[in-house]
Amino acid sequence: GILCLVSFLLISILSLLIVKVSTKPLKVVEDSLIKLQNLELTKPEEMKKYIGRKNETGQIATATDLLYSTLQEIVGTLHECTDSLNSSTGKTNEATKTLIDYVGDNCATTEQLAAGISTTNDAIEGVVKEISTISDLVLAVEDKVKDGNEKSQELIETARTMKDMAGSTL
């Protein structure tokens, strides 16, 4: 009975050791998958010795290693894209600042142009008033010239009449 009990304990201990030794690679792969789940993309060193084996643990370790590699490539590509976007954003910001400066300059130029046009309009209104005044003066001079012409004609007529009278008196 004691011998059976000792044999049972020995078999149980050996079985426990064999199960522990045979499941150790699975524990390493499980730990790697948990790290991967937490987005820790550094490949565990202890998993490397199981990669490429033909057993189930080796196949799982190889697949996990490929998954690490793929995710590292994806993260690298995303990092490059982020850098490119940051660079593009910087260039876009610079272009936007330049555009804002140009818009401000154009606004100032437009305001100066509007002020110049307003001044020109005022000057044109002044010229129109002066031309109107000159036109009125020309009309007045024309009337006086007509008047003077009529009076000159009358004077010439009077002078002829006087000449004729003086000639007939003589």
N, C-alpha and C. Protein backbone atom coordinates (compact mmCIF):
# COMPACT_ATOMS: atom_id res chain seq x y z
N GLY A 1 0.82 -1.20 0.00
CA GLY A 1 0.00 0.00 0.00
C GLY A 1 0.85 1.25 0.00
N ILE A 2 1.97 1.20 0.81
CA ILE A 2 2.83 2.36 0.87
C ILE A 2 3.55 2.50 -0.45
N LEU A 3 3.96 1.36 -0.98
CA LEU A 3 4.64 1.38 -2.26
C LEU A 3 3.72 1.94 -3.35
N CYS A 4 2.47 1.59 -3.33
CA CYS A 4 1.50 2.12 -4.30
C CYS A 4 1.33 3.63 -4.12
N LEU A 5 1.28 4.04 -2.85
CA LEU A 5 1.11 5.46 -2.57
C LEU A 5 2.34 6.25 -3.04
N VAL A 6 3.53 5.74 -2.80
CA VAL A 6 4.75 6.39 -3.24
C VAL A 6 4.81 6.41 -4.76
N SER A 7 4.44 5.30 -5.40
CA SER A 7 4.42 5.22 -6.87
C SER A 7 3.43 6.23 -7.43
N PHE A 8 2.27 6.33 -6.79
CA PHE A 8 1.25 7.30 -7.24
C PHE A 8 1.78 8.72 -7.12
N LEU A 9 2.42 9.06 -6.00
CA LEU A 9 2.96 10.39 -5.81
C LEU A 9 4.08 10.66 -6.82
N LEU A 10 4.92 9.68 -7.06
CA LEU A 10 6.01 9.83 -8.01
C LEU A 10 5.48 10.03 -9.43
N ILE A 11 4.49 9.26 -9.80
CA ILE A 11 3.87 9.40 -11.13
C ILE A 11 3.19 10.76 -11.24
N SER A 12 2.52 11.17 -10.19
CA SER A 12 1.83 12.47 -10.21
C SER A 12 2.84 13.61 -10.35
N ILE A 13 3.94 13.54 -9.61
CA ILE A 13 4.96 14.59 -9.67
C ILE A 13 5.61 14.61 -11.05
N LEU A 14 5.95 13.42 -11.57
CA LEU A 14 6.55 13.34 -12.91
C LEU A 14 5.58 13.84 -13.98
N SER A 15 4.32 13.48 -13.85
CA SER A 15 3.30 13.96 -14.81
C SER A 15 3.19 15.47 -14.76
N LEU A 16 3.21 16.01 -13.54
CA LEU A 16 3.13 17.45 -13.37
C LEU A 16 4.34 18.13 -14.01
N LEU A 17 5.53 17.58 -13.80
CA LEU A 17 6.74 18.14 -14.41
C LEU A 17 6.69 18.04 -15.94
N ILE A 18 6.25 16.94 -16.46
CA ILE A 18 6.16 16.76 -17.92
C ILE A 18 5.15 17.74 -18.50
N VAL A 19 4.02 17.93 -17.86
CA VAL A 19 3.00 18.87 -18.34
C VAL A 19 3.57 20.28 -18.30
N LYS A 20 4.27 20.63 -17.22
CA LYS A 20 4.86 21.97 -17.12
C LYS A 20 5.89 22.20 -18.20
N VAL A 21 6.76 21.21 -18.42
CA VAL A 21 7.80 21.35 -19.44
C VAL A 21 7.18 21.43 -20.83
N SER A 22 6.16 20.63 -21.09
CA SER A 22 5.57 20.62 -22.43
C SER A 22 4.68 21.85 -22.67
N THR A 23 4.15 22.48 -21.62
CA THR A 23 3.31 23.67 -21.82
C THR A 23 4.08 24.98 -21.69
N LYS A 24 5.37 24.89 -21.32
CA LYS A 24 6.18 26.10 -21.19
C LYS A 24 6.23 26.88 -22.51
N PRO A 25 6.46 26.24 -23.68
CA PRO A 25 6.46 27.00 -24.93
C PRO A 25 5.10 27.68 -25.19
N LEU A 26 4.02 27.00 -24.81
CA LEU A 26 2.70 27.60 -24.99
C LEU A 26 2.55 28.83 -24.10
N LYS A 27 3.13 28.81 -22.91
CA LYS A 27 3.07 29.95 -22.01
C LYS A 27 3.85 31.13 -22.60
N VAL A 28 5.00 30.83 -23.23
CA VAL A 28 5.80 31.89 -23.87
C VAL A 28 5.01 32.51 -25.00
N VAL A 29 4.38 31.67 -25.84
CA VAL A 29 3.59 32.18 -26.96
C VAL A 29 2.38 32.95 -26.44
N GLU A 30 1.75 32.44 -25.37
CA GLU A 30 0.60 33.13 -24.78
C GLU A 30 1.01 34.51 -24.27
N ASP A 31 2.15 34.57 -23.57
CA ASP A 31 2.64 35.86 -23.09
C ASP A 31 2.91 36.81 -24.25
N SER A 32 3.45 36.30 -25.35
CA SER A 32 3.72 37.13 -26.54
C SER A 32 2.42 37.67 -27.12
N LEU A 33 1.40 36.82 -27.16
CA LEU A 33 0.11 37.26 -27.69
C LEU A 33 -0.53 38.32 -26.77
N ILE A 34 -0.35 38.16 -25.47
CA ILE A 34 -0.88 39.16 -24.54
C ILE A 34 -0.16 40.50 -24.73
N LYS A 35 1.18 40.43 -24.93
CA LYS A 35 1.93 41.66 -25.21
C LYS A 35 1.45 42.29 -26.51
N LEU A 36 1.22 41.46 -27.50
CA LEU A 36 0.74 41.96 -28.79
C LEU A 36 -0.64 42.59 -28.64
N GLN A 37 -1.48 41.97 -27.80
CA GLN A 37 -2.81 42.53 -27.54
C GLN A 37 -2.69 43.91 -26.93
N ASN A 38 -1.68 44.13 -26.10
CA ASN A 38 -1.46 45.43 -25.45
C ASN A 38 -0.65 46.37 -26.33
N LEU A 39 -0.47 46.00 -27.60
CA LEU A 39 0.23 46.78 -28.62
C LEU A 39 1.71 47.01 -28.29
N GLU A 40 2.32 46.03 -27.59
CA GLU A 40 3.76 46.05 -27.39
C GLU A 40 4.36 45.32 -28.59
N LEU A 41 4.96 46.06 -29.51
CA LEU A 41 5.39 45.49 -30.79
C LEU A 41 6.84 45.00 -30.79
N THR A 42 7.45 44.90 -29.62
CA THR A 42 8.81 44.37 -29.54
C THR A 42 8.71 42.85 -29.41
N LYS A 43 9.40 42.15 -30.34
CA LYS A 43 9.34 40.68 -30.33
C LYS A 43 10.06 40.13 -29.10
N PRO A 44 9.40 39.24 -28.34
CA PRO A 44 10.04 38.65 -27.16
C PRO A 44 11.18 37.72 -27.59
N GLU A 45 12.30 37.79 -26.90
CA GLU A 45 13.47 36.98 -27.21
C GLU A 45 13.21 35.50 -26.96
N GLU A 46 12.48 35.17 -25.87
CA GLU A 46 12.27 33.77 -25.52
C GLU A 46 11.41 33.03 -26.54
N MET A 47 10.66 33.77 -27.38
CA MET A 47 9.82 33.13 -28.39
C MET A 47 10.62 32.71 -29.62
N LYS A 48 11.77 33.32 -29.85
CA LYS A 48 12.55 33.07 -31.06
C LYS A 48 12.97 31.61 -31.18
N LYS A 49 13.22 30.92 -30.06
CA LYS A 49 13.69 29.54 -30.15
C LYS A 49 12.59 28.57 -30.58
N TYR A 50 11.32 29.02 -30.57
CA TYR A 50 10.22 28.15 -30.97
C TYR A 50 9.77 28.41 -32.42
N ILE A 51 10.26 29.51 -33.02
CA ILE A 51 9.86 29.87 -34.38
C ILE A 51 10.47 28.88 -35.36
N GLY A 52 9.65 28.40 -36.29
CA GLY A 52 10.11 27.51 -37.35
C GLY A 52 9.98 26.02 -37.00
N ARG A 53 9.58 25.69 -35.78
CA ARG A 53 9.40 24.28 -35.43
C ARG A 53 8.16 23.74 -36.11
N LYS A 54 8.13 22.44 -36.28
CA LYS A 54 7.02 21.80 -37.00
C LYS A 54 5.83 21.50 -36.10
N ASN A 55 6.02 21.49 -34.79
CA ASN A 55 4.90 21.17 -33.91
C ASN A 55 3.92 22.35 -33.85
N GLU A 56 2.81 22.15 -33.15
CA GLU A 56 1.76 23.17 -33.07
C GLU A 56 2.27 24.45 -32.41
N THR A 57 3.08 24.31 -31.37
CA THR A 57 3.63 25.47 -30.68
C THR A 57 4.53 26.26 -31.63
N GLY A 58 5.34 25.57 -32.43
CA GLY A 58 6.21 26.22 -33.41
C GLY A 58 5.41 26.96 -34.46
N GLN A 59 4.33 26.34 -34.92
CA GLN A 59 3.49 26.99 -35.93
C GLN A 59 2.82 28.24 -35.36
N ILE A 60 2.36 28.16 -34.12
CA ILE A 60 1.74 29.32 -33.48
C ILE A 60 2.79 30.41 -33.28
N ALA A 61 4.00 30.02 -32.85
CA ALA A 61 5.08 30.99 -32.64
C ALA A 61 5.47 31.65 -33.96
N THR A 62 5.55 30.87 -35.05
CA THR A 62 5.88 31.42 -36.36
C THR A 62 4.81 32.40 -36.82
N ALA A 63 3.54 32.02 -36.66
CA ALA A 63 2.44 32.91 -37.05
C ALA A 63 2.46 34.19 -36.22
N THR A 64 2.74 34.06 -34.93
CA THR A 64 2.81 35.23 -34.07
C THR A 64 3.97 36.13 -34.47
N ASP A 65 5.10 35.53 -34.83
CA ASP A 65 6.26 36.31 -35.29
C ASP A 65 5.91 37.07 -36.57
N LEU A 66 5.21 36.43 -37.50
CA LEU A 66 4.78 37.11 -38.73
C LEU A 66 3.81 38.25 -38.41
N LEU A 67 2.96 38.00 -37.44
CA LEU A 67 2.01 39.05 -37.03
C LEU A 67 2.77 40.25 -36.45
N TYR A 68 3.79 39.96 -35.62
CA TYR A 68 4.64 41.05 -35.09
C TYR A 68 5.26 41.84 -36.25
N SER A 69 5.85 41.12 -37.20
CA SER A 69 6.52 41.77 -38.33
C SER A 69 5.54 42.62 -39.13
N THR A 70 4.37 42.06 -39.41
CA THR A 70 3.37 42.80 -40.18
C THR A 70 2.92 44.05 -39.45
N LEU A 71 2.66 43.92 -38.15
CA LEU A 71 2.21 45.08 -37.38
C LEU A 71 3.32 46.13 -37.28
N GLN A 72 4.58 45.69 -37.17
CA GLN A 72 5.69 46.64 -37.13
C GLN A 72 5.80 47.39 -38.46
N GLU A 73 5.60 46.68 -39.57
CA GLU A 73 5.61 47.34 -40.89
C GLU A 73 4.47 48.34 -41.01
N ILE A 74 3.29 47.94 -40.53
CA ILE A 74 2.13 48.84 -40.60
C ILE A 74 2.39 50.09 -39.76
N VAL A 75 2.93 49.89 -38.55
CA VAL A 75 3.22 51.03 -37.68
C VAL A 75 4.29 51.91 -38.33
N GLY A 76 5.31 51.29 -38.96
CA GLY A 76 6.34 52.07 -39.66
C GLY A 76 5.74 52.88 -40.79
N THR A 77 4.86 52.26 -41.56
CA THR A 77 4.20 52.98 -42.66
C THR A 77 3.34 54.12 -42.12
N LEU A 78 2.61 53.85 -41.04
CA LEU A 78 1.80 54.90 -40.43
C LEU A 78 2.67 56.03 -39.91
N HIS A 79 3.83 55.68 -39.36
CA HIS A 79 4.76 56.70 -38.87
C HIS A 79 5.26 57.56 -40.03
N GLU A 80 5.61 56.92 -41.15
CA GLU A 80 6.04 57.68 -42.33
C GLU A 80 4.92 58.58 -42.84
N CYS A 81 3.71 58.05 -42.87
CA CYS A 81 2.56 58.84 -43.32
C CYS A 81 2.33 60.03 -42.38
N THR A 82 2.48 59.79 -41.09
CA THR A 82 2.32 60.86 -40.11
C THR A 82 3.37 61.94 -40.32
N ASP A 83 4.63 61.50 -40.55
CA ASP A 83 5.69 62.47 -40.81
C ASP A 83 5.38 63.28 -42.06
N SER A 84 4.91 62.57 -43.10
CA SER A 84 4.58 63.24 -44.36
C SER A 84 3.44 64.23 -44.15
N LEU A 85 2.43 63.81 -43.39
CA LEU A 85 1.29 64.71 -43.10
C LEU A 85 1.75 65.91 -42.29
N ASN A 86 2.64 65.67 -41.32
CA ASN A 86 3.15 66.79 -40.52
C ASN A 86 3.91 67.77 -41.41
N SER A 87 4.71 67.23 -42.31
CA SER A 87 5.46 68.09 -43.23
C SER A 87 4.51 68.87 -44.13
N SER A 88 3.51 68.16 -44.66
CA SER A 88 2.52 68.81 -45.53
C SER A 88 1.74 69.86 -44.77
N THR A 89 1.41 69.56 -43.52
CA THR A 89 0.67 70.51 -42.70
C THR A 89 1.50 71.77 -42.48
N GLY A 90 2.80 71.56 -42.21
CA GLY A 90 3.69 72.72 -42.03
C GLY A 90 3.74 73.57 -43.28
N LYS A 91 3.87 72.91 -44.44
CA LYS A 91 3.92 73.66 -45.70
C LYS A 91 2.59 74.35 -45.96
N THR A 92 1.49 73.67 -45.65
CA THR A 92 0.18 74.28 -45.84
C THR A 92 0.02 75.48 -44.92
N ASN A 93 0.49 75.37 -43.68
CA ASN A 93 0.43 76.50 -42.74
C ASN A 93 1.22 77.68 -43.27
N GLU A 94 2.43 77.40 -43.80
CA GLU A 94 3.25 78.48 -44.35
C GLU A 94 2.54 79.13 -45.54
N ALA A 95 1.97 78.28 -46.43
CA ALA A 95 1.26 78.82 -47.59
C ALA A 95 0.06 79.64 -47.14
N THR A 96 -0.63 79.18 -46.11
CA THR A 96 -1.80 79.91 -45.61
C THR A 96 -1.38 81.26 -45.04
N LYS A 97 -0.27 81.27 -44.29
CA LYS A 97 0.22 82.54 -43.73
C LYS A 97 0.60 83.49 -44.85
N THR A 98 1.27 82.97 -45.87
CA THR A 98 1.65 83.80 -47.02
C THR A 98 0.39 84.34 -47.71
N LEU A 99 -0.59 83.48 -47.89
CA LEU A 99 -1.84 83.90 -48.52
C LEU A 99 -2.54 84.97 -47.69
N ILE A 100 -2.54 84.80 -46.37
CA ILE A 100 -3.15 85.80 -45.50
C ILE A 100 -2.42 87.13 -45.63
N ASP A 101 -1.07 87.06 -45.70
CA ASP A 101 -0.30 88.29 -45.89
C ASP A 101 -0.67 88.97 -47.20
N TYR A 102 -0.77 88.15 -48.26
CA TYR A 102 -1.13 88.71 -49.57
C TYR A 102 -2.53 89.31 -49.55
N VAL A 103 -3.45 88.63 -48.87
CA VAL A 103 -4.82 89.15 -48.78
C VAL A 103 -4.81 90.49 -48.03
N GLY A 104 -4.01 90.55 -46.95
CA GLY A 104 -3.90 91.82 -46.21
C GLY A 104 -3.32 92.91 -47.07
N ASP A 105 -2.26 92.57 -47.85
CA ASP A 105 -1.67 93.56 -48.75
C ASP A 105 -2.68 93.99 -49.80
N ASN A 106 -3.42 93.01 -50.35
CA ASN A 106 -4.43 93.34 -51.36
C ASN A 106 -5.53 94.22 -50.77
N CYS A 107 -5.88 93.95 -49.51
CA CYS A 107 -6.90 94.76 -48.84
C CYS A 107 -6.41 96.20 -48.71
N ALA A 108 -5.15 96.36 -48.27
CA ALA A 108 -4.60 97.71 -48.12
C ALA A 108 -4.52 98.41 -49.47
N THR A 109 -4.08 97.67 -50.49
CA THR A 109 -3.99 98.25 -51.84
C THR A 109 -5.38 98.65 -52.34
N THR A 110 -6.37 97.80 -52.07
CA THR A 110 -7.74 98.10 -52.50
C THR A 110 -8.25 99.34 -51.79
N GLU A 111 -7.95 99.47 -50.50
CA GLU A 111 -8.37 100.67 -49.77
C GLU A 111 -7.70 101.92 -50.33
N GLN A 112 -6.41 101.82 -50.65
CA GLN A 112 -5.71 102.95 -51.25
C GLN A 112 -6.30 103.28 -52.62
N LEU A 113 -6.60 102.24 -53.39
CA LEU A 113 -7.19 102.44 -54.71
C LEU A 113 -8.56 103.11 -54.57
N ALA A 114 -9.35 102.66 -53.60
CA ALA A 114 -10.68 103.27 -53.37
C ALA A 114 -10.54 104.74 -53.00
N ALA A 115 -9.55 105.03 -52.13
CA ALA A 115 -9.32 106.43 -51.75
C ALA A 115 -8.89 107.25 -52.96
N GLY A 116 -8.01 106.66 -53.80
CA GLY A 116 -7.57 107.35 -55.02
C GLY A 116 -8.74 107.58 -55.97
N ILE A 117 -9.59 106.60 -56.11
CA ILE A 117 -10.76 106.74 -57.00
C ILE A 117 -11.69 107.81 -56.45
N SER A 118 -11.87 107.83 -55.13
CA SER A 118 -12.72 108.85 -54.52
C SER A 118 -12.15 110.25 -54.78
N THR A 119 -10.83 110.39 -54.62
CA THR A 119 -10.18 111.67 -54.90
C THR A 119 -10.34 112.05 -56.36
N THR A 120 -10.15 111.06 -57.25
CA THR A 120 -10.32 111.31 -58.69
C THR A 120 -11.75 111.72 -59.00
N ASN A 121 -12.72 111.06 -58.39
CA ASN A 121 -14.13 111.42 -58.61
C ASN A 121 -14.39 112.85 -58.14
N ASP A 122 -13.83 113.21 -57.00
CA ASP A 122 -14.01 114.59 -56.51
C ASP A 122 -13.39 115.57 -57.50
N ALA A 123 -12.20 115.24 -58.00
CA ALA A 123 -11.54 116.13 -58.97
C ALA A 123 -12.36 116.23 -60.25
N ILE A 124 -12.90 115.10 -60.70
CA ILE A 124 -13.72 115.11 -61.92
C ILE A 124 -14.97 115.96 -61.71
N GLU A 125 -15.59 115.85 -60.51
CA GLU A 125 -16.76 116.68 -60.22
C GLU A 125 -16.39 118.16 -60.25
N GLY A 126 -15.22 118.49 -59.71
CA GLY A 126 -14.75 119.87 -59.75
C GLY A 126 -14.53 120.35 -61.18
N VAL A 127 -13.93 119.46 -62.02
CA VAL A 127 -13.70 119.82 -63.42
C VAL A 127 -15.03 120.01 -64.14
N VAL A 128 -16.01 119.13 -63.84
CA VAL A 128 -17.33 119.26 -64.47
C VAL A 128 -17.97 120.59 -64.09
N LYS A 129 -17.84 120.99 -62.81
CA LYS A 129 -18.40 122.27 -62.38
C LYS A 129 -17.71 123.43 -63.10
N GLU A 130 -16.36 123.33 -63.22
CA GLU A 130 -15.61 124.38 -63.91
C GLU A 130 -16.01 124.45 -65.38
N ILE A 131 -16.16 123.27 -66.01
CA ILE A 131 -16.58 123.25 -67.42
C ILE A 131 -17.96 123.85 -67.57
N SER A 132 -18.85 123.55 -66.61
CA SER A 132 -20.20 124.12 -66.65
C SER A 132 -20.12 125.65 -66.53
N THR A 133 -19.26 126.11 -65.62
CA THR A 133 -19.09 127.56 -65.44
C THR A 133 -18.53 128.18 -66.72
N ILE A 134 -17.51 127.53 -67.29
CA ILE A 134 -16.91 128.04 -68.55
C ILE A 134 -17.95 128.04 -69.66
N SER A 135 -18.77 126.99 -69.72
CA SER A 135 -19.82 126.92 -70.74
C SER A 135 -20.80 128.08 -70.57
N ASP A 136 -21.16 128.36 -69.31
CA ASP A 136 -22.07 129.50 -69.06
C ASP A 136 -21.41 130.81 -69.49
N LEU A 137 -20.11 130.95 -69.18
CA LEU A 137 -19.39 132.17 -69.58
C LEU A 137 -19.31 132.29 -71.10
N VAL A 138 -19.05 131.15 -71.78
CA VAL A 138 -18.99 131.17 -73.25
C VAL A 138 -20.34 131.59 -73.83
N LEU A 139 -21.42 131.07 -73.24
CA LEU A 139 -22.76 131.46 -73.71
C LEU A 139 -22.99 132.97 -73.50
N ALA A 140 -22.53 133.44 -72.33
CA ALA A 140 -22.69 134.87 -72.05
C ALA A 140 -21.87 135.69 -73.03
N VAL A 141 -20.62 135.23 -73.32
CA VAL A 141 -19.78 135.94 -74.29
C VAL A 141 -20.43 135.88 -75.66
N GLU A 142 -20.98 134.75 -76.01
CA GLU A 142 -21.64 134.61 -77.32
C GLU A 142 -22.80 135.59 -77.43
N ASP A 143 -23.59 135.67 -76.34
CA ASP A 143 -24.70 136.63 -76.36
C ASP A 143 -24.18 138.05 -76.53
N LYS A 144 -23.09 138.38 -75.81
CA LYS A 144 -22.54 139.72 -75.92
C LYS A 144 -21.96 139.96 -77.30
N VAL A 145 -21.34 138.91 -77.88
CA VAL A 145 -20.81 139.07 -79.25
C VAL A 145 -21.96 139.30 -80.21
N LYS A 146 -23.06 138.57 -80.05
CA LYS A 146 -24.22 138.78 -80.93
C LYS A 146 -24.76 140.19 -80.75
N ASP A 147 -24.85 140.57 -79.44
CA ASP A 147 -25.30 141.92 -79.14
C ASP A 147 -24.37 142.95 -79.80
N GLY A 148 -23.06 142.72 -79.58
CA GLY A 148 -22.07 143.64 -80.15
C GLY A 148 -22.15 143.64 -81.66
N ASN A 149 -22.38 142.50 -82.25
CA ASN A 149 -22.49 142.39 -83.70
C ASN A 149 -23.71 143.16 -84.20
N GLU A 150 -24.82 142.99 -83.50
CA GLU A 150 -26.02 143.72 -83.88
C GLU A 150 -25.79 145.22 -83.74
N LYS A 151 -25.17 145.63 -82.63
CA LYS A 151 -24.92 147.06 -82.43
C LYS A 151 -23.92 147.57 -83.47
N SER A 152 -22.94 146.71 -83.82
CA SER A 152 -21.97 147.11 -84.86
C SER A 152 -22.70 147.28 -86.18
N GLN A 153 -23.61 146.39 -86.48
CA GLN A 153 -24.37 146.50 -87.73
C GLN A 153 -25.20 147.79 -87.72
N GLU A 154 -25.81 148.05 -86.57
CA GLU A 154 -26.58 149.27 -86.46
C GLU A 154 -25.67 150.49 -86.62
N LEU A 155 -24.48 150.41 -85.97
CA LEU A 155 -23.53 151.51 -86.06
C LEU A 155 -23.06 151.70 -87.50
N ILE A 156 -22.78 150.57 -88.16
CA ILE A 156 -22.37 150.65 -89.58
C ILE A 156 -23.51 151.25 -90.39
N GLU A 157 -24.70 150.84 -90.14
CA GLU A 157 -25.86 151.38 -90.86
C GLU A 157 -26.02 152.87 -90.58
N THR A 158 -25.82 153.22 -89.29
CA THR A 158 -25.91 154.63 -88.93
C THR A 158 -24.79 155.39 -89.62
N ALA A 159 -23.60 154.82 -89.66
CA ALA A 159 -22.46 155.49 -90.30
C ALA A 159 -22.72 155.62 -91.79
N ARG A 160 -23.31 154.69 -92.45
CA ARG A 160 -23.62 154.78 -93.87
C ARG A 160 -24.68 155.86 -94.10
N THR A 161 -25.63 155.78 -93.21
CA THR A 161 -26.67 156.82 -93.33
C THR A 161 -26.04 158.18 -93.17
N MET A 162 -25.15 158.36 -92.20
CA MET A 162 -24.48 159.63 -91.99
C MET A 162 -23.60 159.96 -93.17
N LYS A 163 -22.95 158.99 -93.73
CA LYS A 163 -22.08 159.24 -94.89
C LYS A 163 -22.96 159.68 -96.08
N ASP A 164 -24.04 158.96 -96.23
CA ASP A 164 -24.94 159.33 -97.34
C ASP A 164 -25.50 160.74 -97.11
N MET A 165 -25.82 161.03 -95.89
CA MET A 165 -26.32 162.37 -95.58
C MET A 165 -25.22 163.40 -95.77
N ALA A 166 -24.06 163.07 -95.33
CA ALA A 166 -22.95 164.03 -95.50
C ALA A 166 -22.65 164.17 -96.99
N GLY A 167 -22.74 163.13 -97.73
CA GLY A 167 -22.48 163.22 -99.17
C GLY A 167 -23.58 164.02 -99.85
N SER A 168 -24.78 163.83 -99.46
CA SER A 168 -25.86 164.58 -100.08
C SER A 168 -25.84 166.03 -99.59
N THR A 169 -25.41 166.27 -98.36
CA THR A 169 -25.31 167.61 -97.85
C THR A 169 -24.15 168.31 -98.57
N LEU A 170 -23.13 167.67 -98.83
CA LEU A 170 -21.95 168.26 -99.47
C LEU A 170 -22.33 168.63 -100.87
